[in-house]
Amino acid sequence: MKKNLSLIISFITLILLTVILIVVVNKKEKSVIPIEKSQNEVEKVVNEKPNIYLFWGDGCGACRNLKAYLQELDKEIGRNYNLILYEIWYNDDNRTLMEQVSKQLNETNHAVPYLIIGDESIVGFNNNSKDYIKKKIIEFYTSNNYFDIMDQIKSED
């Protein structure tokens, strides 16, 4: 009987530890998950941080690598900005929004990843672009002049 009771207590303890671990891991992951938006949700994220936009394609290797790098960068320099993602390959509204942003920046870009930092854009991603992206993000959030391209898009509507 004592053996069965000990086995039951061990089993319950294991379940509780598993649940606690799952909760802790999920909270940690959520702190670095970017904000996913659709074109219909263009409203500016309200807080003290500037917005950076990433137009990406589901299945794009360079996009996946850039998103991973931005999460690494969060750990290194902190999340001092909002990263707002727009998937464009399977979302026509987001693709249209990317075209509007590109036009507003006097560009004709149709490629992803397309990273918008203030009034500048970076197309593509590889290991050589990491330092440049880091520099631009730090310059952007340390300046007190937060240009938000979506304000320009909304004013055109």
Protein backbone atom coordinates (compact mmCIF):
# COMPACT_ATOMS: atom_id res chain seq x y z
CA MET A 1 0.00 0.00 0.00
CA LYS A 2 2.81 2.41 0.90
CA LYS A 3 4.48 1.57 -2.40
CA ASN A 4 1.32 2.49 -4.36
CA LEU A 5 0.90 5.71 -2.40
CA SER A 6 4.52 6.64 -3.05
CA LEU A 7 4.05 5.90 -6.75
CA ILE A 8 0.91 8.06 -6.90
CA ILE A 9 2.62 10.96 -5.13
CA SER A 10 5.60 10.72 -7.49
CA PHE A 11 3.27 10.70 -10.50
CA ILE A 12 1.34 13.76 -9.27
CA THR A 13 4.61 15.59 -8.55
CA LEU A 14 5.85 14.84 -12.06
CA ILE A 15 2.63 16.18 -13.58
CA LEU A 16 2.80 19.37 -11.51
CA LEU A 17 6.43 19.97 -12.46
CA THR A 18 5.56 19.44 -16.13
CA VAL A 19 2.71 21.97 -15.94
CA ILE A 20 4.95 24.52 -14.19
CA LEU A 21 7.66 24.04 -16.81
CA ILE A 22 5.17 24.52 -19.65
CA VAL A 23 3.83 27.73 -18.09
CA VAL A 24 7.33 29.15 -17.55
CA VAL A 25 8.48 28.29 -21.08
CA ASN A 26 5.33 29.79 -22.65
CA LYS A 27 5.72 33.03 -20.68
CA LYS A 28 9.36 33.31 -21.71
CA GLU A 29 8.57 32.70 -25.39
CA LYS A 30 5.74 35.23 -25.40
CA SER A 31 8.07 37.98 -24.25
CA VAL A 32 9.97 37.83 -27.54
CA ILE A 33 7.15 37.02 -29.96
CA PRO A 34 6.62 39.90 -32.38
CA ILE A 35 3.24 41.49 -32.91
CA GLU A 36 1.44 39.94 -35.88
CA LYS A 37 -0.83 42.37 -37.71
CA SER A 38 -2.95 42.40 -40.78
CA GLN A 39 -3.52 45.38 -43.06
CA ASN A 40 -6.86 46.03 -41.35
CA GLU A 41 -5.03 46.51 -38.04
CA VAL A 42 -2.66 49.27 -39.09
CA GLU A 43 -3.35 51.27 -35.93
CA LYS A 44 -0.16 52.35 -34.27
CA VAL A 45 0.82 50.26 -31.30
CA VAL A 46 0.39 52.60 -28.37
CA ASN A 47 3.33 52.84 -26.01
CA GLU A 48 6.65 54.59 -25.70
CA LYS A 49 8.49 52.36 -28.18
CA PRO A 50 8.88 53.03 -31.91
CA ASN A 51 7.51 50.57 -34.46
CA ILE A 52 9.65 48.53 -36.83
CA TYR A 53 7.88 46.60 -39.58
CA LEU A 54 8.84 43.33 -41.20
CA PHE A 55 7.11 42.12 -44.35
CA TRP A 56 7.85 38.43 -44.76
CA GLY A 57 6.74 35.30 -46.59
CA ASP A 58 5.72 32.05 -44.94
CA GLY A 59 8.31 29.54 -46.16
CA CYS A 60 10.97 32.15 -46.98
CA GLY A 61 14.32 31.01 -45.58
CA ALA A 62 15.83 34.50 -45.41
CA CYS A 63 12.69 35.72 -43.60
CA ARG A 64 12.93 32.92 -41.07
CA ASN A 65 16.62 33.71 -40.51
CA LEU A 66 15.93 37.43 -40.08
CA LYS A 67 13.16 36.74 -37.56
CA ALA A 68 15.51 34.45 -35.62
CA TYR A 69 18.25 37.11 -35.72
CA LEU A 70 15.84 39.77 -34.43
CA GLN A 71 14.96 37.50 -31.51
CA GLU A 72 18.69 37.02 -30.79
CA LEU A 73 19.13 40.78 -30.98
CA ASP A 74 16.33 41.23 -28.43
CA LYS A 75 18.34 39.18 -25.96
CA GLU A 76 21.48 41.19 -26.68
CA ILE A 77 20.17 44.76 -26.73
CA GLY A 78 16.66 44.40 -25.32
CA ARG A 79 13.30 44.99 -26.94
CA ASN A 80 13.28 48.76 -27.21
CA TYR A 81 10.88 48.78 -30.14
CA ASN A 82 7.75 47.03 -31.37
CA LEU A 83 8.36 44.53 -34.15
CA ILE A 84 5.20 44.27 -36.23
CA LEU A 85 5.05 41.45 -38.77
CA TYR A 86 3.05 41.28 -41.98
CA GLU A 87 3.01 37.94 -43.84
CA ILE A 88 2.50 38.78 -47.54
CA TRP A 89 2.55 35.52 -49.51
CA TYR A 90 -0.77 34.28 -48.17
CA ASN A 91 -2.37 37.59 -47.21
CA ASP A 92 -3.39 39.90 -50.05
CA ASP A 93 -4.15 42.83 -47.72
CA ASN A 94 -0.64 42.66 -46.28
CA ARG A 95 0.85 42.44 -49.78
CA THR A 96 -1.10 45.57 -50.75
CA LEU A 97 0.15 47.31 -47.62
CA MET A 98 3.76 46.40 -48.49
CA GLU A 99 3.25 47.93 -51.94
CA GLN A 100 1.91 51.12 -50.32
CA VAL A 101 4.90 51.29 -47.98
CA SER A 102 7.31 50.69 -50.85
CA LYS A 103 5.63 53.44 -52.88
CA GLN A 104 5.70 55.83 -49.90
CA LEU A 105 9.47 55.23 -49.61
CA ASN A 106 9.89 55.81 -53.37
CA GLU A 107 10.89 52.20 -53.92
CA THR A 108 9.59 49.44 -56.16
CA ASN A 109 10.27 46.54 -53.85
CA HIS A 110 8.37 43.28 -54.13
CA ALA A 111 10.87 41.04 -52.32
CA VAL A 112 10.96 39.72 -48.77
CA PRO A 113 12.16 40.04 -46.16
CA TYR A 114 11.45 43.75 -46.26
CA LEU A 115 12.40 45.45 -43.00
CA ILE A 116 11.23 49.02 -42.34
CA ILE A 117 13.14 50.99 -39.70
CA GLY A 118 11.81 54.53 -39.58
CA ASP A 119 12.06 55.94 -43.10
CA GLU A 120 14.64 53.38 -44.23
CA SER A 121 14.21 49.90 -45.60
CA ILE A 122 16.39 46.82 -45.79
CA VAL A 123 15.59 44.17 -48.38
CA GLY A 124 16.85 40.63 -47.89
CA PHE A 125 18.95 39.17 -45.14
CA ASN A 126 22.28 37.40 -44.75
CA ASN A 127 25.05 37.24 -42.17
CA ASN A 128 26.72 40.30 -43.70
CA SER A 129 23.68 42.47 -42.98
CA LYS A 130 23.48 41.70 -39.24
CA ASP A 131 25.73 44.53 -38.04
CA TYR A 132 24.00 47.06 -40.29
CA ILE A 133 20.54 46.04 -39.06
CA LYS A 134 21.67 46.18 -35.43
CA LYS A 135 23.17 49.64 -35.96
CA LYS A 136 20.02 50.97 -37.67
CA ILE A 137 17.72 49.60 -34.97
CA ILE A 138 19.82 51.11 -32.16
CA GLU A 139 20.03 54.47 -33.97
CA PHE A 140 16.28 54.42 -34.50
CA TYR A 141 15.18 53.74 -30.95
CA THR A 142 17.79 55.98 -29.34
CA SER A 143 16.71 58.96 -31.43
CA ASN A 144 13.71 60.88 -30.19
CA ASN A 145 12.37 61.34 -33.70
CA TYR A 146 10.33 58.22 -34.35
CA PHE A 147 9.17 58.28 -37.96
CA ASP A 148 6.36 55.77 -38.48
CA ILE A 149 5.63 54.93 -42.12
CA MET A 150 2.11 53.80 -41.19
CA ASP A 151 1.23 57.37 -40.20
CA GLN A 152 1.99 58.37 -43.80
CA ILE A 153 -0.08 55.49 -45.18
CA LYS A 154 -3.07 56.33 -42.97
CA SER A 155 -2.95 60.00 -43.97
CA GLU A 156 -3.30 59.00 -47.64
CA ASP A 157 -6.51 57.04 -47.00
